[in-house]
Amino acid sequence: MVAKTVLVVEDDPSTRIVAEEMFLAAGFEVESAQRADHALDIVAQRSEQTAFLFTDVQTPGPIDGIDLARMVKTYWPHIEILVTSARPASNIVLPDGVRFTPKPWSHKDVLELARAAVAEQ
């Protein structure tokens, strides 16, 4: 089975919907969560199907997007991760193997990374 599910983690409903629609239009299956801890539960249940995680840095709850990225890379290293934030990248320390894109993000750039993640599965 080829993993082609994208998990979108974004607490802003309008931004989350834009990301979901972007991935759906590109042919991906999409799961989404408002909180990083909820996203971690989704990954734990669907790790084999999940190819790409697209998460905001700031999310409500006990863990943020960086903590989520760190845990996912530790337990499910096959999942490619792209972190986004309105804060400058220089203020964010990313785990190894995790990429960053600033907000507002480019649909083209995000989709290229997601497609590459699926192709590598």
PDB file of N, CA and C in Angstrom:
ATOM      1  N   MET A   1       0.838  -1.183   0.000  1.00  0.00           N
ATOM      2  CA  MET A   1       0.000   0.000   0.000  1.00  0.00           C
ATOM      3  C   MET A   1       0.882   1.245   0.000  1.00  0.00           C
ATOM      4  N   VAL A   2       0.556   2.171  -0.872  1.00  0.00           N
ATOM      5  CA  VAL A   2       1.287   3.425  -0.934  1.00  0.00           C
ATOM      6  C   VAL A   2       0.613   4.427  -0.005  1.00  0.00           C
ATOM      7  N   ALA A   3       1.392   4.971   0.916  1.00  0.00           N
ATOM      8  CA  ALA A   3       0.861   5.987   1.822  1.00  0.00           C
ATOM      9  C   ALA A   3       0.640   7.259   1.033  1.00  0.00           C
ATOM     10  N   LYS A   4      -0.556   7.806   1.111  1.00  0.00           N
ATOM     11  CA  LYS A   4      -0.800   9.069   0.427  1.00  0.00           C
ATOM     12  C   LYS A   4      -1.679  10.002   1.237  1.00  0.00           C
ATOM     13  N   THR A   5      -1.736   9.769   2.523  1.00  0.00           N
ATOM     14  CA  THR A   5      -2.518  10.629   3.388  1.00  0.00           C
ATOM     15  C   THR A   5      -1.666  11.767   3.910  1.00  0.00           C
ATOM     16  N   VAL A   6      -2.243  12.950   3.891  1.00  0.00           N
ATOM     17  CA  VAL A   6      -1.623  14.143   4.449  1.00  0.00           C
ATOM     18  C   VAL A   6      -2.377  14.490   5.728  1.00  0.00           C
ATOM     19  N   LEU A   7      -1.647  14.783   6.771  1.00  0.00           N
ATOM     20  CA  LEU A   7      -2.240  15.226   8.032  1.00  0.00           C
ATOM     21  C   LEU A   7      -1.951  16.707   8.192  1.00  0.00           C
ATOM     22  N   VAL A   8      -3.012  17.496   8.266  1.00  0.00           N
ATOM     23  CA  VAL A   8      -2.912  18.947   8.425  1.00  0.00           C
ATOM     24  C   VAL A   8      -3.212  19.289   9.875  1.00  0.00           C
ATOM     25  N   VAL A   9      -2.318  20.023  10.523  1.00  0.00           N
ATOM     26  CA  VAL A   9      -2.511  20.439  11.908  1.00  0.00           C
ATOM     27  C   VAL A   9      -2.479  21.971  11.948  1.00  0.00           C
ATOM     28  N   GLU A  10      -3.643  22.534  12.175  1.00  0.00           N
ATOM     29  CA  GLU A  10      -3.792  23.994  12.148  1.00  0.00           C
ATOM     30  C   GLU A  10      -4.998  24.370  12.983  1.00  0.00           C
ATOM     31  N   ASP A  11      -4.806  25.302  13.934  1.00  0.00           N
ATOM     32  CA  ASP A  11      -5.916  25.680  14.802  1.00  0.00           C
ATOM     33  C   ASP A  11      -6.812  26.757  14.195  1.00  0.00           C
ATOM     34  N   ASP A  12      -6.325  27.495  13.210  1.00  0.00           N
ATOM     35  CA  ASP A  12      -7.160  28.501  12.562  1.00  0.00           C
ATOM     36  C   ASP A  12      -8.046  27.816  11.520  1.00  0.00           C
ATOM     37  N   PRO A  13      -9.373  27.845  11.717  1.00  0.00           N
ATOM     38  CA  PRO A  13     -10.263  27.099  10.815  1.00  0.00           C
ATOM     39  C   PRO A  13     -10.129  27.493   9.343  1.00  0.00           C
ATOM     40  N   SER A  14     -10.012  28.770   9.048  1.00  0.00           N
ATOM     41  CA  SER A  14      -9.948  29.176   7.639  1.00  0.00           C
ATOM     42  C   SER A  14      -8.648  28.696   6.988  1.00  0.00           C
ATOM     43  N   THR A  15      -7.547  28.773   7.696  1.00  0.00           N
ATOM     44  CA  THR A  15      -6.269  28.302   7.160  1.00  0.00           C
ATOM     45  C   THR A  15      -6.291  26.784   6.994  1.00  0.00           C
ATOM     46  N   ARG A  16      -6.869  26.088   7.963  1.00  0.00           N
ATOM     47  CA  ARG A  16      -6.963  24.623   7.889  1.00  0.00           C
ATOM     48  C   ARG A  16      -7.792  24.201   6.680  1.00  0.00           C
ATOM     49  N   ILE A  17      -8.901  24.881   6.436  1.00  0.00           N
ATOM     50  CA  ILE A  17      -9.758  24.547   5.301  1.00  0.00           C
ATOM     51  C   ILE A  17      -9.035  24.780   3.980  1.00  0.00           C
ATOM     52  N   VAL A  18      -8.311  25.879   3.875  1.00  0.00           N
ATOM     53  CA  VAL A  18      -7.537  26.155   2.657  1.00  0.00           C
ATOM     54  C   VAL A  18      -6.531  25.033   2.416  1.00  0.00           C
ATOM     55  N   ALA A  19      -5.826  24.620   3.452  1.00  0.00           N
ATOM     56  CA  ALA A  19      -4.835  23.542   3.309  1.00  0.00           C
ATOM     57  C   ALA A  19      -5.515  22.230   2.940  1.00  0.00           C
ATOM     58  N   GLU A  20      -6.615  21.899   3.608  1.00  0.00           N
ATOM     59  CA  GLU A  20      -7.335  20.663   3.292  1.00  0.00           C
ATOM     60  C   GLU A  20      -7.777  20.649   1.836  1.00  0.00           C
ATOM     61  N   GLU A  21      -8.375  21.742   1.385  1.00  0.00           N
ATOM     62  CA  GLU A  21      -8.865  21.823   0.002  1.00  0.00           C
ATOM     63  C   GLU A  21      -7.719  21.744  -1.003  1.00  0.00           C
ATOM     64  N   MET A  22      -6.583  22.351  -0.673  1.00  0.00           N
ATOM     65  CA  MET A  22      -5.417  22.294  -1.548  1.00  0.00           C
ATOM     66  C   MET A  22      -4.964  20.846  -1.745  1.00  0.00           C
ATOM     67  N   PHE A  23      -4.838  20.106  -0.637  1.00  0.00           N
ATOM     68  CA  PHE A  23      -4.382  18.722  -0.725  1.00  0.00           C
ATOM     69  C   PHE A  23      -5.422  17.830  -1.392  1.00  0.00           C
ATOM     70  N   LEU A  24      -6.696  18.022  -1.080  1.00  0.00           N
ATOM     71  CA  LEU A  24      -7.757  17.228  -1.715  1.00  0.00           C
ATOM     72  C   LEU A  24      -7.768  17.443  -3.223  1.00  0.00           C
ATOM     73  N   ALA A  25      -7.655  18.692  -3.652  1.00  0.00           N
ATOM     74  CA  ALA A  25      -7.653  19.002  -5.085  1.00  0.00           C
ATOM     75  C   ALA A  25      -6.458  18.366  -5.795  1.00  0.00           C
ATOM     76  N   ALA A  26      -5.375  18.147  -5.063  1.00  0.00           N
ATOM     77  CA  ALA A  26      -4.175  17.530  -5.631  1.00  0.00           C
ATOM     78  C   ALA A  26      -4.230  16.003  -5.574  1.00  0.00           C
ATOM     79  N   GLY A  27      -5.330  15.438  -5.058  1.00  0.00           N
ATOM     80  CA  GLY A  27      -5.505  13.995  -5.065  1.00  0.00           C
ATOM     81  C   GLY A  27      -5.074  13.256  -3.813  1.00  0.00           C
ATOM     82  N   PHE A  28      -4.775  13.976  -2.762  1.00  0.00           N
ATOM     83  CA  PHE A  28      -4.384  13.342  -1.504  1.00  0.00           C
ATOM     84  C   PHE A  28      -5.609  13.024  -0.658  1.00  0.00           C
ATOM     85  N   GLU A  29      -5.463  12.034   0.188  1.00  0.00           N
ATOM     86  CA  GLU A  29      -6.424  11.829   1.266  1.00  0.00           C
ATOM     87  C   GLU A  29      -5.974  12.764   2.386  1.00  0.00           C
ATOM     88  N   VAL A  30      -6.916  13.337   3.107  1.00  0.00           N
ATOM     89  CA  VAL A  30      -6.568  14.339   4.105  1.00  0.00           C
ATOM     90  C   VAL A  30      -7.203  14.011   5.448  1.00  0.00           C
ATOM     91  N   GLU A  31      -6.407  14.083   6.468  1.00  0.00           N
ATOM     92  CA  GLU A  31      -6.864  14.060   7.859  1.00  0.00           C
ATOM     93  C   GLU A  31      -6.486  15.420   8.415  1.00  0.00           C
ATOM     94  N   SER A  32      -7.211  15.890   9.422  1.00  0.00           N
ATOM     95  CA  SER A  32      -6.824  17.165  10.014  1.00  0.00           C
ATOM     96  C   SER A  32      -7.119  17.177  11.502  1.00  0.00           C
ATOM     97  N   ALA A  33      -6.418  18.077  12.166  1.00  0.00           N
ATOM     98  CA  ALA A  33      -6.580  18.251  13.605  1.00  0.00           C
ATOM     99  C   ALA A  33      -6.309  19.706  13.948  1.00  0.00           C
ATOM    100  N   GLN A  34      -6.971  20.173  14.992  1.00  0.00           N
ATOM    101  CA  GLN A  34      -6.731  21.530  15.479  1.00  0.00           C
ATOM    102  C   GLN A  34      -5.589  21.573  16.478  1.00  0.00           C
ATOM    103  N   ARG A  35      -5.307  20.448  17.107  1.00  0.00           N
ATOM    104  CA  ARG A  35      -4.306  20.385  18.169  1.00  0.00           C
ATOM    105  C   ARG A  35      -3.264  19.323  17.842  1.00  0.00           C
ATOM    106  N   ALA A  36      -2.031  19.587  18.225  1.00  0.00           N
ATOM    107  CA  ALA A  36      -0.940  18.655  17.960  1.00  0.00           C
ATOM    108  C   ALA A  36      -1.119  17.334  18.713  1.00  0.00           C
ATOM    109  N   ASP A  37      -1.653  17.383  19.934  1.00  0.00           N
ATOM    110  CA  ASP A  37      -1.848  16.129  20.665  1.00  0.00           C
ATOM    111  C   ASP A  37      -2.894  15.256  19.987  1.00  0.00           C
ATOM    112  N   HIS A  38      -3.914  15.858  19.395  1.00  0.00           N
ATOM    113  CA  HIS A  38      -4.913  15.085  18.649  1.00  0.00           C
ATOM    114  C   HIS A  38      -4.288  14.512  17.376  1.00  0.00           C
ATOM    115  N   ALA A  39      -3.427  15.290  16.744  1.00  0.00           N
ATOM    116  CA  ALA A  39      -2.729  14.810  15.552  1.00  0.00           C
ATOM    117  C   ALA A  39      -1.848  13.612  15.871  1.00  0.00           C
ATOM    118  N   LEU A  40      -1.215  13.625  17.022  1.00  0.00           N
ATOM    119  CA  LEU A  40      -0.381  12.499  17.436  1.00  0.00           C
ATOM    120  C   LEU A  40      -1.216  11.222  17.544  1.00  0.00           C
ATOM    121  N   ASP A  41      -2.426  11.336  18.058  1.00  0.00           N
ATOM    122  CA  ASP A  41      -3.337  10.180  18.124  1.00  0.00           C
ATOM    123  C   ASP A  41      -3.669   9.667  16.728  1.00  0.00           C
ATOM    124  N   ILE A  42      -3.900  10.589  15.791  1.00  0.00           N
ATOM    125  CA  ILE A  42      -4.217  10.193  14.416  1.00  0.00           C
ATOM    126  C   ILE A  42      -3.036   9.467  13.794  1.00  0.00           C
ATOM    127  N   VAL A  43      -1.846   9.998  13.955  1.00  0.00           N
ATOM    128  CA  VAL A  43      -0.655   9.350  13.389  1.00  0.00           C
ATOM    129  C   VAL A  43      -0.472   7.963  13.993  1.00  0.00           C
ATOM    130  N   ALA A  44      -0.676   7.834  15.281  1.00  0.00           N
ATOM    131  CA  ALA A  44      -0.518   6.533  15.927  1.00  0.00           C
ATOM    132  C   ALA A  44      -1.473   5.498  15.334  1.00  0.00           C
ATOM    133  N   GLN A  45      -2.654   5.927  14.968  1.00  0.00           N
ATOM    134  CA  GLN A  45      -3.651   5.009  14.406  1.00  0.00           C
ATOM    135  C   GLN A  45      -3.471   4.777  12.904  1.00  0.00           C
ATOM    136  N   ARG A  46      -2.885   5.758  12.197  1.00  0.00           N
ATOM    137  CA  ARG A  46      -2.817   5.693  10.734  1.00  0.00           C
ATOM    138  C   ARG A  46      -1.405   5.894  10.202  1.00  0.00           C
ATOM    139  N   SER A  47      -0.410   5.489  10.952  1.00  0.00           N
ATOM    140  CA  SER A  47       0.979   5.767  10.556  1.00  0.00           C
ATOM    141  C   SER A  47       1.348   5.144   9.209  1.00  0.00           C
ATOM    142  N   GLU A  48       0.822   3.984   8.891  1.00  0.00           N
ATOM    143  CA  GLU A  48       1.170   3.332   7.630  1.00  0.00           C
ATOM    144  C   GLU A  48       0.600   4.078   6.432  1.00  0.00           C
ATOM    145  N   GLN A  49      -0.528   4.739   6.604  1.00  0.00           N
ATOM    146  CA  GLN A  49      -1.149   5.468   5.503  1.00  0.00           C
ATOM    147  C   GLN A  49      -0.641   6.903   5.393  1.00  0.00           C
ATOM    148  N   THR A  50      -0.056   7.422   6.452  1.00  0.00           N
ATOM    149  CA  THR A  50       0.349   8.828   6.476  1.00  0.00           C
ATOM    150  C   THR A  50       1.728   9.004   5.861  1.00  0.00           C
ATOM    151  N   ALA A  51       1.795   9.871   4.848  1.00  0.00           N
ATOM    152  CA  ALA A  51       3.062  10.149   4.170  1.00  0.00           C
ATOM    153  C   ALA A  51       3.619  11.518   4.519  1.00  0.00           C
ATOM    154  N   PHE A  52       2.725  12.448   4.890  1.00  0.00           N
ATOM    155  CA  PHE A  52       3.131  13.851   5.005  1.00  0.00           C
ATOM    156  C   PHE A  52       2.377  14.525   6.137  1.00  0.00           C
ATOM    157  N   LEU A  53       3.108  15.241   6.961  1.00  0.00           N
ATOM    158  CA  LEU A  53       2.531  16.012   8.058  1.00  0.00           C
ATOM    159  C   LEU A  53       2.816  17.483   7.802  1.00  0.00           C
ATOM    160  N   PHE A  54       1.768  18.285   7.785  1.00  0.00           N
ATOM    161  CA  PHE A  54       1.873  19.721   7.569  1.00  0.00           C
ATOM    162  C   PHE A  54       1.309  20.397   8.804  1.00  0.00           C
ATOM    163  N   THR A  55       2.177  20.984   9.614  1.00  0.00           N
ATOM    164  CA  THR A  55       1.736  21.501  10.902  1.00  0.00           C
ATOM    165  C   THR A  55       2.195  22.927  11.166  1.00  0.00           C
ATOM    166  N   ASP A  56       1.329  23.667  11.808  1.00  0.00           N
ATOM    167  CA  ASP A  56       1.686  24.988  12.314  1.00  0.00           C
ATOM    168  C   ASP A  56       2.540  24.787  13.560  1.00  0.00           C
ATOM    169  N   VAL A  57       3.390  25.750  13.854  1.00  0.00           N
ATOM    170  CA  VAL A  57       4.212  25.677  15.065  1.00  0.00           C
ATOM    171  C   VAL A  57       3.327  25.858  16.291  1.00  0.00           C
ATOM    172  N   GLN A  58       2.515  26.895  16.279  1.00  0.00           N
ATOM    173  CA  GLN A  58       1.690  27.198  17.450  1.00  0.00           C
ATOM    174  C   GLN A  58       0.339  26.514  17.331  1.00  0.00           C
ATOM    175  N   THR A  59       0.099  25.583  18.237  1.00  0.00           N
ATOM    176  CA  THR A  59      -1.185  24.906  18.320  1.00  0.00           C
ATOM    177  C   THR A  59      -1.602  24.867  19.788  1.00  0.00           C
ATOM    178  N   PRO A  60      -2.902  24.886  20.039  1.00  0.00           N
ATOM    179  CA  PRO A  60      -3.335  24.813  21.433  1.00  0.00           C
ATOM    180  C   PRO A  60      -3.080  23.421  22.007  1.00  0.00           C
ATOM    181  N   GLY A  61      -3.084  23.336  23.306  1.00  0.00           N
ATOM    182  CA  GLY A  61      -2.910  22.041  23.950  1.00  0.00           C
ATOM    183  C   GLY A  61      -1.540  21.888  24.572  1.00  0.00           C
ATOM    184  N   PRO A  62      -1.273  20.682  25.084  1.00  0.00           N
ATOM    185  CA  PRO A  62      -0.043  20.458  25.847  1.00  0.00           C
ATOM    186  C   PRO A  62       1.230  20.367  25.015  1.00  0.00           C
ATOM    187  N   ILE A  63       1.108  20.123  23.705  1.00  0.00           N
ATOM    188  CA  ILE A  63       2.305  20.097  22.857  1.00  0.00           C
ATOM    189  C   ILE A  63       2.072  21.011  21.655  1.00  0.00           C
ATOM    190  N   ASP A  64       3.177  21.513  21.096  1.00  0.00           N
ATOM    191  CA  ASP A  64       3.055  22.372  19.918  1.00  0.00           C
ATOM    192  C   ASP A  64       3.511  21.604  18.679  1.00  0.00           C
ATOM    193  N   GLY A  65       3.545  22.285  17.547  1.00  0.00           N
ATOM    194  CA  GLY A  65       3.916  21.646  16.295  1.00  0.00           C
ATOM    195  C   GLY A  65       5.344  21.130  16.264  1.00  0.00           C
ATOM    196  N   ILE A  66       6.242  21.794  16.959  1.00  0.00           N
ATOM    197  CA  ILE A  66       7.635  21.337  17.017  1.00  0.00           C
ATOM    198  C   ILE A  66       7.733  20.047  17.834  1.00  0.00           C
ATOM    199  N   ASP A  67       7.039  20.002  18.970  1.00  0.00           N
ATOM    200  CA  ASP A  67       7.012  18.765  19.767  1.00  0.00           C
ATOM    201  C   ASP A  67       6.415  17.623  18.951  1.00  0.00           C
ATOM    202  N   LEU A  68       5.348  17.924  18.225  1.00  0.00           N
ATOM    203  CA  LEU A  68       4.709  16.920  17.381  1.00  0.00           C
ATOM    204  C   LEU A  68       5.701  16.410  16.339  1.00  0.00           C
ATOM    205  N   ALA A  69       6.387  17.316  15.666  1.00  0.00           N
ATOM    206  CA  ALA A  69       7.359  16.921  14.646  1.00  0.00           C
ATOM    207  C   ALA A  69       8.452  16.031  15.247  1.00  0.00           C
ATOM    208  N   ARG A  70       8.928  16.397  16.403  1.00  0.00           N
ATOM    209  CA  ARG A  70       9.981  15.620  17.073  1.00  0.00           C
ATOM    210  C   ARG A  70       9.488  14.196  17.386  1.00  0.00           C
ATOM    211  N   MET A  71       8.282  14.077  17.908  1.00  0.00           N
ATOM    212  CA  MET A  71       7.743  12.753  18.251  1.00  0.00           C
ATOM    213  C   MET A  71       7.483  11.914  17.006  1.00  0.00           C
ATOM    214  N   VAL A  72       6.932  12.534  15.979  1.00  0.00           N
ATOM    215  CA  VAL A  72       6.653  11.786  14.753  1.00  0.00           C
ATOM    216  C   VAL A  72       7.952  11.306  14.117  1.00  0.00           C
ATOM    217  N   LYS A  73       8.979  12.144  14.044  1.00  0.00           N
ATOM    218  CA  LYS A  73      10.258  11.727  13.471  1.00  0.00           C
ATOM    219  C   LYS A  73      10.903  10.613  14.293  1.00  0.00           C
ATOM    220  N   THR A  74      10.676  10.611  15.595  1.00  0.00           N
ATOM    221  CA  THR A  74      11.241   9.568  16.451  1.00  0.00           C
ATOM    222  C   THR A  74      10.569   8.216  16.214  1.00  0.00           C
ATOM    223  N   TYR A  75       9.244   8.207  16.172  1.00  0.00           N
ATOM    224  CA  TYR A  75       8.499   6.940  16.109  1.00  0.00           C
ATOM    225  C   TYR A  75       8.104   6.519  14.700  1.00  0.00           C
ATOM    226  N   TRP A  76       7.961   7.463  13.793  1.00  0.00           N
ATOM    227  CA  TRP A  76       7.545   7.174  12.417  1.00  0.00           C
ATOM    228  C   TRP A  76       8.412   7.972  11.446  1.00  0.00           C
ATOM    229  N   PRO A  77       9.687   7.617  11.329  1.00  0.00           N
ATOM    230  CA  PRO A  77      10.620   8.420  10.538  1.00  0.00           C
ATOM    231  C   PRO A  77      10.292   8.479   9.045  1.00  0.00           C
ATOM    232  N   HIS A  78       9.439   7.583   8.554  1.00  0.00           N
ATOM    233  CA  HIS A  78       9.077   7.607   7.130  1.00  0.00           C
ATOM    234  C   HIS A  78       8.166   8.784   6.781  1.00  0.00           C
ATOM    235  N   ILE A  79       7.544   9.405   7.767  1.00  0.00           N
ATOM    236  CA  ILE A  79       6.618  10.506   7.508  1.00  0.00           C
ATOM    237  C   ILE A  79       7.424  11.795   7.313  1.00  0.00           C
ATOM    238  N   GLU A  80       7.238  12.419   6.171  1.00  0.00           N
ATOM    239  CA  GLU A  80       7.875  13.703   5.891  1.00  0.00           C
ATOM    240  C   GLU A  80       7.094  14.798   6.610  1.00  0.00           C
ATOM    241  N   ILE A  81       7.811  15.791   7.116  1.00  0.00           N
ATOM    242  CA  ILE A  81       7.166  16.835   7.917  1.00  0.00           C
ATOM    243  C   ILE A  81       7.550  18.212   7.399  1.00  0.00           C
ATOM    244  N   LEU A  82       6.530  19.050   7.252  1.00  0.00           N
ATOM    245  CA  LEU A  82       6.722  20.442   6.890  1.00  0.00           C
ATOM    246  C   LEU A  82       6.034  21.284   7.956  1.00  0.00           C
ATOM    247  N   VAL A  83       6.818  22.138   8.602  1.00  0.00           N
ATOM    248  CA  VAL A  83       6.327  23.011   9.661  1.00  0.00           C
ATOM    249  C   VAL A  83       6.164  24.407   9.076  1.00  0.00           C
ATOM    250  N   THR A  84       5.120  25.104   9.505  1.00  0.00           N
ATOM    251  CA  THR A  84       4.881  26.457   9.037  1.00  0.00           C
ATOM    252  C   THR A  84       4.607  27.384  10.212  1.00  0.00           C
ATOM    253  N   SER A  85       4.941  28.647  10.023  1.00  0.00           N
ATOM    254  CA  SER A  85       4.704  29.631  11.070  1.00  0.00           C
ATOM    255  C   SER A  85       4.812  31.033  10.479  1.00  0.00           C
ATOM    256  N   ALA A  86       4.114  31.953  11.129  1.00  0.00           N
ATOM    257  CA  ALA A  86       4.257  33.365  10.775  1.00  0.00           C
ATOM    258  C   ALA A  86       5.509  33.949  11.429  1.00  0.00           C
ATOM    259  N   ARG A  87       6.047  33.250  12.427  1.00  0.00           N
ATOM    260  CA  ARG A  87       7.290  33.697  13.074  1.00  0.00           C
ATOM    261  C   ARG A  87       8.466  33.420  12.153  1.00  0.00           C
ATOM    262  N   PRO A  88       9.526  34.206  12.248  1.00  0.00           N
ATOM    263  CA  PRO A  88      10.709  33.964  11.412  1.00  0.00           C
ATOM    264  C   PRO A  88      11.352  32.605  11.715  1.00  0.00           C
ATOM    265  N   ALA A  89      11.866  31.970  10.683  1.00  0.00           N
ATOM    266  CA  ALA A  89      12.513  30.664  10.842  1.00  0.00           C
ATOM    267  C   ALA A  89      13.690  30.728  11.795  1.00  0.00           C
ATOM    268  N   SER A  90      14.323  31.888  11.886  1.00  0.00           N
ATOM    269  CA  SER A  90      15.483  32.019  12.765  1.00  0.00           C
ATOM    270  C   SER A  90      15.107  31.863  14.238  1.00  0.00           C
ATOM    271  N   ASN A  91      13.825  31.986  14.569  1.00  0.00           N
ATOM    272  CA  ASN A  91      13.360  31.831  15.952  1.00  0.00           C
ATOM    273  C   ASN A  91      12.873  30.417  16.259  1.00  0.00           C
ATOM    274  N   ILE A  92      13.012  29.509  15.304  1.00  0.00           N
ATOM    275  CA  ILE A  92      12.458  28.165  15.442  1.00  0.00           C
ATOM    276  C   ILE A  92      13.568  27.133  15.286  1.00  0.00           C
ATOM    277  N   VAL A  93      13.666  26.227  16.238  1.00  0.00           N
ATOM    278  CA  VAL A  93      14.641  25.140  16.166  1.00  0.00           C
ATOM    279  C   VAL A  93      13.884  23.876  15.750  1.00  0.00           C
ATOM    280  N   LEU A  94      14.210  23.380  14.573  1.00  0.00           N
ATOM    281  CA  LEU A  94      13.523  22.213  14.020  1.00  0.00           C
ATOM    282  C   LEU A  94      14.297  20.926  14.285  1.00  0.00           C
ATOM    283  N   PRO A  95      13.590  19.835  14.484  1.00  0.00           N
ATOM    284  CA  PRO A  95      14.267  18.539  14.569  1.00  0.00           C
ATOM    285  C   PRO A  95      14.925  18.204  13.223  1.00  0.00           C
ATOM    286  N   ASP A  96      15.925  17.347  13.250  1.00  0.00           N
ATOM    287  CA  ASP A  96      16.583  16.904  12.015  1.00  0.00           C
ATOM    288  C   ASP A  96      15.559  16.302  11.068  1.00  0.00           C
ATOM    289  N   GLY A  97      15.695  16.629   9.794  1.00  0.00           N
ATOM    290  CA  GLY A  97      14.831  16.057   8.774  1.00  0.00           C
ATOM    291  C   GLY A  97      13.493  16.741   8.613  1.00  0.00           C
ATOM    292  N   VAL A  98      13.258  17.806   9.350  1.00  0.00           N
ATOM    293  CA  VAL A  98      11.993  18.541   9.274  1.00  0.00           C
ATOM    294  C   VAL A  98      12.227  19.832   8.512  1.00  0.00           C
ATOM    295  N   ARG A  99      11.341  20.115   7.577  1.00  0.00           N
ATOM    296  CA  ARG A  99      11.468  21.332   6.765  1.00  0.00           C
ATOM    297  C   ARG A  99      10.557  22.428   7.302  1.00  0.00           C
ATOM    298  N   PHE A 100      10.846  23.657   6.864  1.00  0.00           N
ATOM    299  CA  PHE A 100      10.081  24.828   7.294  1.00  0.00           C
ATOM    300  C   PHE A 100       9.653  25.646   6.088  1.00  0.00           C
ATOM    301  N   THR A 101       8.442  26.190   6.151  1.00  0.00           N
ATOM    302  CA  THR A 101       7.986  27.170   5.176  1.00  0.00           C
ATOM    303  C   THR A 101       7.253  28.279   5.926  1.00  0.00           C
ATOM    304  N   PRO A 102       7.513  29.522   5.575  1.00  0.00           N
ATOM    305  CA  PRO A 102       6.852  30.626   6.292  1.00  0.00           C
ATOM    306  C   PRO A 102       5.402  30.804   5.841  1.00  0.00           C
ATOM    307  N   LYS A 103       4.620  31.391   6.725  1.00  0.00           N
ATOM    308  CA  LYS A 103       3.265  31.806   6.358  1.00  0.00           C
ATOM    309  C   LYS A 103       3.351  33.222   5.806  1.00  0.00           C
ATOM    310  N   PRO A 104       2.631  33.561   4.805  1.00  0.00           N
ATOM    311  CA  PRO A 104       1.765  32.681   4.019  1.00  0.00           C
ATOM    312  C   PRO A 104       2.614  31.761   3.144  1.00  0.00           C
ATOM    313  N   TRP A 105       2.206  30.509   3.042  1.00  0.00           N
ATOM    314  CA  TRP A 105       2.970  29.520   2.305  1.00  0.00           C
ATOM    315  C   TRP A 105       2.500  29.441   0.859  1.00  0.00           C
ATOM    316  N   SER A 106       3.403  28.942   0.049  1.00  0.00           N
ATOM    317  CA  SER A 106       3.143  28.763  -1.374  1.00  0.00           C
ATOM    318  C   SER A 106       2.493  27.404  -1.612  1.00  0.00           C
ATOM    319  N   HIS A 107       1.335  27.389  -2.243  1.00  0.00           N
ATOM    320  CA  HIS A 107       0.666  26.118  -2.557  1.00  0.00           C
ATOM    321  C   HIS A 107       1.596  25.226  -3.377  1.00  0.00           C
ATOM    322  N   LYS A 108       2.244  25.828  -4.363  1.00  0.00           N
ATOM    323  CA  LYS A 108       3.130  25.066  -5.244  1.00  0.00           C
ATOM    324  C   LYS A 108       4.254  24.392  -4.452  1.00  0.00           C
ATOM    325  N   ASP A 109       4.912  25.126  -3.586  1.00  0.00           N
ATOM    326  CA  ASP A 109       6.024  24.570  -2.808  1.00  0.00           C
ATOM    327  C   ASP A 109       5.564  23.468  -1.863  1.00  0.00           C
ATOM    328  N   VAL A 110       4.448  23.701  -1.183  1.00  0.00           N
ATOM    329  CA  VAL A 110       3.937  22.704  -0.234  1.00  0.00           C
ATOM    330  C   VAL A 110       3.537  21.427  -0.972  1.00  0.00           C
ATOM    331  N   LEU A 111       2.846  21.570  -2.099  1.00  0.00           N
ATOM    332  CA  LEU A 111       2.424  20.387  -2.855  1.00  0.00           C
ATOM    333  C   LEU A 111       3.602  19.625  -3.447  1.00  0.00           C
ATOM    334  N   GLU A 112       4.633  20.326  -3.866  1.00  0.00           N
ATOM    335  CA  GLU A 112       5.837  19.631  -4.376  1.00  0.00           C
ATOM    336  C   GLU A 112       6.442  18.752  -3.292  1.00  0.00           C
ATOM    337  N   LEU A 113       6.542  19.258  -2.090  1.00  0.00           N
ATOM    338  CA  LEU A 113       7.098  18.464  -0.987  1.00  0.00           C
ATOM    339  C   LEU A 113       6.196  17.285  -0.648  1.00  0.00           C
ATOM    340  N   ALA A 114       4.891  17.490  -0.655  1.00  0.00           N
ATOM    341  CA  ALA A 114       3.947  16.404  -0.360  1.00  0.00           C
ATOM    342  C   ALA A 114       4.023  15.321  -1.443  1.00  0.00           C
ATOM    343  N   ARG A 115       4.075  15.733  -2.684  1.00  0.00           N
ATOM    344  CA  ARG A 115       4.165  14.743  -3.781  1.00  0.00           C
ATOM    345  C   ARG A 115       5.472  13.948  -3.700  1.00  0.00           C
ATOM    346  N   ALA A 116       6.551  14.621  -3.359  1.00  0.00           N
ATOM    347  CA  ALA A 116       7.840  13.926  -3.204  1.00  0.00           C
ATOM    348  C   ALA A 116       7.776  12.927  -2.060  1.00  0.00           C
ATOM    349  N   ALA A 117       7.097  13.276  -0.980  1.00  0.00           N
ATOM    350  CA  ALA A 117       6.960  12.360   0.160  1.00  0.00           C
ATOM    351  C   ALA A 117       6.198  11.111  -0.244  1.00  0.00           C
ATOM    352  N   VAL A 118       5.140  11.259  -1.019  1.00  0.00           N
ATOM    353  CA  VAL A 118       4.343  10.116  -1.479  1.00  0.00           C
ATOM    354  C   VAL A 118       5.159   9.266  -2.439  1.00  0.00           C
ATOM    355  N   ALA A 119       5.895   9.904  -3.320  1.00  0.00           N
ATOM    356  CA  ALA A 119       6.704   9.168  -4.300  1.00  0.00           C
ATOM    357  C   ALA A 119       7.769   8.311  -3.624  1.00  0.00           C
ATOM    358  N   GLU A 120       8.246   8.742  -2.475  1.00  0.00           N
ATOM    359  CA  GLU A 120       9.300   7.997  -1.758  1.00  0.00           C
ATOM    360  C   GLU A 120       8.747   6.823  -0.960  1.00  0.00           C
ATOM    361  N   GLN A 121       7.439   6.763  -0.763  1.00  0.00           N
ATOM    362  CA  GLN A 121       6.837   5.696   0.035  1.00  0.00           C
ATOM    363  C   GLN A 121       6.859   4.372  -0.699  1.00  0.00           C
TER     364      GLN A 121
END
